[in-house]
N, C-alpha and C. Protein backbone atom coordinates (compact mmCIF):
# COMPACT_ATOMS: atom_id res chain seq x y z
N MET A 1 7.46 -26.57 37.26
CA MET A 1 7.17 -25.18 36.97
C MET A 1 6.04 -24.71 37.88
N ASN A 2 6.19 -23.56 38.47
CA ASN A 2 5.15 -23.07 39.37
C ASN A 2 4.09 -22.29 38.59
N ARG A 3 2.98 -22.03 39.28
CA ARG A 3 1.84 -21.39 38.61
C ARG A 3 2.15 -19.98 38.13
N GLU A 4 2.96 -19.25 38.88
CA GLU A 4 3.27 -17.88 38.50
C GLU A 4 4.03 -17.82 37.17
N SER A 5 5.00 -18.70 37.00
CA SER A 5 5.75 -18.70 35.74
C SER A 5 4.88 -19.19 34.59
N GLU A 6 3.94 -20.11 34.86
CA GLU A 6 3.00 -20.56 33.83
C GLU A 6 2.11 -19.40 33.39
N ARG A 7 1.63 -18.62 34.35
CA ARG A 7 0.78 -17.47 34.05
C ARG A 7 1.52 -16.42 33.25
N SER A 8 2.76 -16.16 33.61
CA SER A 8 3.51 -15.13 32.90
C SER A 8 3.79 -15.57 31.46
N LYS A 9 4.01 -16.86 31.24
CA LYS A 9 4.22 -17.34 29.87
C LYS A 9 2.94 -17.20 29.05
N SER A 10 1.79 -17.55 29.63
CA SER A 10 0.53 -17.49 28.90
C SER A 10 0.09 -16.05 28.67
N SER A 11 0.53 -15.11 29.52
CA SER A 11 0.13 -13.72 29.34
C SER A 11 1.00 -13.01 28.30
N ASN A 12 2.08 -13.66 27.87
CA ASN A 12 2.95 -13.08 26.84
C ASN A 12 2.49 -13.46 25.44
N VAL A 13 1.21 -13.32 25.18
CA VAL A 13 0.66 -13.63 23.88
C VAL A 13 1.12 -12.58 22.88
N ASN A 14 1.64 -13.04 21.75
CA ASN A 14 2.11 -12.14 20.72
C ASN A 14 1.04 -12.03 19.65
N VAL A 15 0.39 -10.91 19.56
CA VAL A 15 -0.70 -10.69 18.61
C VAL A 15 -0.19 -10.82 17.18
N GLN A 16 0.99 -10.30 16.92
CA GLN A 16 1.56 -10.38 15.57
C GLN A 16 1.67 -11.81 15.10
N ASP A 17 2.20 -12.68 15.95
CA ASP A 17 2.41 -14.07 15.53
C ASP A 17 1.10 -14.73 15.13
N GLY A 18 0.06 -14.55 15.92
CA GLY A 18 -1.24 -15.15 15.57
C GLY A 18 -1.76 -14.65 14.24
N PHE A 19 -1.64 -13.35 14.02
CA PHE A 19 -2.09 -12.75 12.77
C PHE A 19 -1.28 -13.29 11.59
N PHE A 20 0.04 -13.29 11.73
CA PHE A 20 0.90 -13.73 10.62
C PHE A 20 0.78 -15.23 10.37
N TYR A 21 0.62 -16.05 11.42
CA TYR A 21 0.40 -17.49 11.22
C TYR A 21 -0.86 -17.73 10.39
N ALA A 22 -1.93 -17.02 10.72
CA ALA A 22 -3.19 -17.19 9.98
C ALA A 22 -3.05 -16.75 8.53
N MET A 23 -2.36 -15.63 8.29
CA MET A 23 -2.17 -15.15 6.92
C MET A 23 -1.32 -16.13 6.11
N ARG A 24 -0.30 -16.68 6.74
CA ARG A 24 0.56 -17.65 6.04
C ARG A 24 -0.19 -18.95 5.78
N ARG A 25 -0.93 -19.43 6.78
CA ARG A 25 -1.68 -20.68 6.65
C ARG A 25 -2.71 -20.59 5.53
N ASP A 26 -3.44 -19.48 5.47
CA ASP A 26 -4.49 -19.33 4.48
C ASP A 26 -3.96 -18.98 3.10
N ALA A 27 -2.70 -18.56 3.02
CA ALA A 27 -2.06 -18.17 1.75
C ALA A 27 -2.89 -17.13 1.00
N ARG A 28 -3.53 -16.24 1.75
CA ARG A 28 -4.29 -15.15 1.13
C ARG A 28 -3.33 -14.00 0.86
N PRO A 29 -3.58 -13.25 -0.20
CA PRO A 29 -2.74 -12.08 -0.44
C PRO A 29 -2.88 -11.05 0.68
N ILE A 30 -1.78 -10.40 0.99
CA ILE A 30 -1.78 -9.34 1.99
C ILE A 30 -1.23 -8.07 1.37
N HIS A 31 -1.62 -6.94 1.94
CA HIS A 31 -1.03 -5.65 1.59
C HIS A 31 -0.10 -5.28 2.74
N VAL A 32 1.13 -4.93 2.40
CA VAL A 32 2.09 -4.43 3.39
C VAL A 32 2.36 -2.98 3.01
N TYR A 33 1.98 -2.06 3.87
CA TYR A 33 2.21 -0.63 3.63
C TYR A 33 3.46 -0.22 4.41
N LEU A 34 4.42 0.33 3.70
CA LEU A 34 5.66 0.76 4.33
C LEU A 34 5.53 2.18 4.83
N LEU A 35 6.43 2.58 5.71
CA LEU A 35 6.42 3.95 6.23
C LEU A 35 6.63 4.98 5.13
N THR A 36 7.23 4.58 4.03
CA THR A 36 7.44 5.49 2.90
C THR A 36 6.16 5.71 2.10
N GLY A 37 5.13 4.91 2.36
CA GLY A 37 3.88 5.01 1.62
C GLY A 37 3.75 3.95 0.54
N LYS A 38 4.81 3.25 0.24
CA LYS A 38 4.78 2.21 -0.79
C LYS A 38 3.97 1.02 -0.28
N ARG A 39 3.24 0.37 -1.20
CA ARG A 39 2.46 -0.81 -0.86
C ARG A 39 3.04 -2.01 -1.60
N ILE A 40 3.23 -3.10 -0.87
CA ILE A 40 3.65 -4.37 -1.46
C ILE A 40 2.52 -5.36 -1.23
N THR A 41 2.03 -5.96 -2.30
CA THR A 41 0.95 -6.94 -2.21
C THR A 41 1.49 -8.29 -2.63
N GLY A 42 1.23 -9.30 -1.81
CA GLY A 42 1.71 -10.63 -2.14
C GLY A 42 1.28 -11.64 -1.09
N ILE A 43 1.92 -12.80 -1.15
CA ILE A 43 1.62 -13.91 -0.24
C ILE A 43 2.72 -13.97 0.82
N LEU A 44 2.32 -14.03 2.09
CA LEU A 44 3.28 -14.15 3.17
C LEU A 44 3.85 -15.56 3.16
N ARG A 45 5.16 -15.67 2.98
CA ARG A 45 5.82 -16.97 2.94
C ARG A 45 6.46 -17.33 4.27
N ARG A 46 7.16 -16.39 4.89
CA ARG A 46 7.82 -16.63 6.16
C ARG A 46 7.86 -15.34 6.97
N PHE A 47 8.08 -15.49 8.26
CA PHE A 47 8.26 -14.32 9.11
C PHE A 47 8.99 -14.74 10.36
N ASP A 48 9.62 -13.79 10.98
CA ASP A 48 10.23 -14.01 12.28
C ASP A 48 10.08 -12.74 13.09
N ARG A 49 10.88 -12.60 14.09
CA ARG A 49 10.77 -11.46 15.00
C ARG A 49 11.05 -10.13 14.31
N TYR A 50 11.86 -10.15 13.25
CA TYR A 50 12.32 -8.91 12.64
C TYR A 50 11.84 -8.66 11.21
N VAL A 51 11.49 -9.69 10.48
CA VAL A 51 11.19 -9.53 9.06
C VAL A 51 9.99 -10.34 8.60
N LEU A 52 9.44 -9.93 7.45
CA LEU A 52 8.46 -10.71 6.71
C LEU A 52 9.07 -11.05 5.36
N VAL A 53 8.76 -12.22 4.84
CA VAL A 53 9.12 -12.56 3.47
C VAL A 53 7.81 -12.67 2.71
N VAL A 54 7.63 -11.76 1.75
CA VAL A 54 6.40 -11.69 0.97
C VAL A 54 6.74 -11.98 -0.48
N GLU A 55 6.03 -12.95 -1.07
CA GLU A 55 6.23 -13.26 -2.48
C GLU A 55 5.27 -12.42 -3.31
N SER A 56 5.83 -11.69 -4.26
CA SER A 56 5.04 -10.81 -5.12
C SER A 56 5.64 -10.83 -6.52
N HIS A 57 4.81 -11.13 -7.51
CA HIS A 57 5.23 -11.16 -8.91
C HIS A 57 6.43 -12.08 -9.12
N GLY A 58 6.43 -13.23 -8.44
CA GLY A 58 7.48 -14.21 -8.61
C GLY A 58 8.77 -13.92 -7.86
N LEU A 59 8.82 -12.83 -7.12
CA LEU A 59 10.01 -12.46 -6.34
C LEU A 59 9.69 -12.50 -4.86
N GLU A 60 10.68 -12.85 -4.05
CA GLU A 60 10.52 -12.80 -2.61
C GLU A 60 11.12 -11.51 -2.09
N HIS A 61 10.34 -10.76 -1.34
CA HIS A 61 10.77 -9.49 -0.75
C HIS A 61 10.99 -9.69 0.74
N LEU A 62 12.18 -9.34 1.21
CA LEU A 62 12.49 -9.37 2.63
C LEU A 62 12.18 -7.98 3.17
N ILE A 63 11.15 -7.88 4.02
CA ILE A 63 10.68 -6.59 4.52
C ILE A 63 10.93 -6.53 6.01
N PHE A 64 11.72 -5.55 6.43
CA PHE A 64 12.00 -5.39 7.85
C PHE A 64 10.78 -4.80 8.55
N LYS A 65 10.41 -5.38 9.67
CA LYS A 65 9.21 -4.95 10.38
C LYS A 65 9.29 -3.49 10.82
N HIS A 66 10.47 -2.99 11.13
CA HIS A 66 10.57 -1.60 11.58
C HIS A 66 10.24 -0.61 10.46
N ALA A 67 10.16 -1.10 9.21
CA ALA A 67 9.82 -0.24 8.07
C ALA A 67 8.34 -0.33 7.70
N ILE A 68 7.57 -1.13 8.44
CA ILE A 68 6.16 -1.38 8.10
C ILE A 68 5.26 -0.45 8.91
N ALA A 69 4.31 0.17 8.21
CA ALA A 69 3.31 1.01 8.86
C ALA A 69 2.04 0.20 9.16
N ASN A 70 1.67 -0.70 8.21
CA ASN A 70 0.40 -1.40 8.32
C ASN A 70 0.45 -2.67 7.50
N VAL A 71 -0.24 -3.71 7.97
CA VAL A 71 -0.40 -4.96 7.22
C VAL A 71 -1.87 -5.33 7.29
N CYS A 72 -2.44 -5.70 6.15
CA CYS A 72 -3.84 -6.14 6.16
C CYS A 72 -4.06 -7.18 5.08
N ALA A 73 -5.10 -7.96 5.25
CA ALA A 73 -5.47 -8.95 4.24
C ALA A 73 -6.01 -8.21 3.02
N ALA A 74 -5.57 -8.62 1.85
CA ALA A 74 -6.07 -8.02 0.61
C ALA A 74 -7.44 -8.62 0.31
N ARG A 75 -8.31 -7.82 -0.19
CA ARG A 75 -9.63 -8.31 -0.57
C ARG A 75 -9.52 -9.07 -1.87
N SER A 76 -10.24 -10.18 -1.93
CA SER A 76 -10.29 -10.89 -3.21
C SER A 76 -11.29 -10.15 -4.11
N GLU A 77 -11.23 -10.40 -5.38
CA GLU A 77 -12.08 -9.67 -6.34
C GLU A 77 -13.57 -9.90 -6.09
N GLY A 78 -13.93 -11.03 -5.49
CA GLY A 78 -15.34 -11.34 -5.26
C GLY A 78 -15.91 -10.73 -4.00
N GLU A 79 -15.07 -10.16 -3.13
CA GLU A 79 -15.56 -9.60 -1.88
C GLU A 79 -16.19 -8.23 -2.09
N ALA A 80 -17.21 -7.95 -1.31
CA ALA A 80 -17.90 -6.66 -1.40
C ALA A 80 -17.00 -5.55 -0.87
N LEU A 81 -17.18 -4.35 -1.36
CA LEU A 81 -16.37 -3.22 -0.95
C LEU A 81 -16.95 -2.46 0.22
N GLY A 82 -18.07 -2.78 0.68
CA GLY A 82 -18.63 -1.93 1.69
C GLY A 82 -19.10 -2.62 2.88
């Protein structure tokens, strides 16, 4: 493999994957805000290029990424609000 192809592979860093791997690894609750305004809060179980699987209230929700407006880590009850 030449240096140019190595550089192009390393420059194709996917920010989403790093974020979602960390959320799944830590098993922290996340908030998923949909384009409709609905919020789903749960634990990220799996993800791929097109979908997230979030467990909430004992159910697994398959959420298509094109329907997501925002994803963030949910605050635990002990965390400060400000």
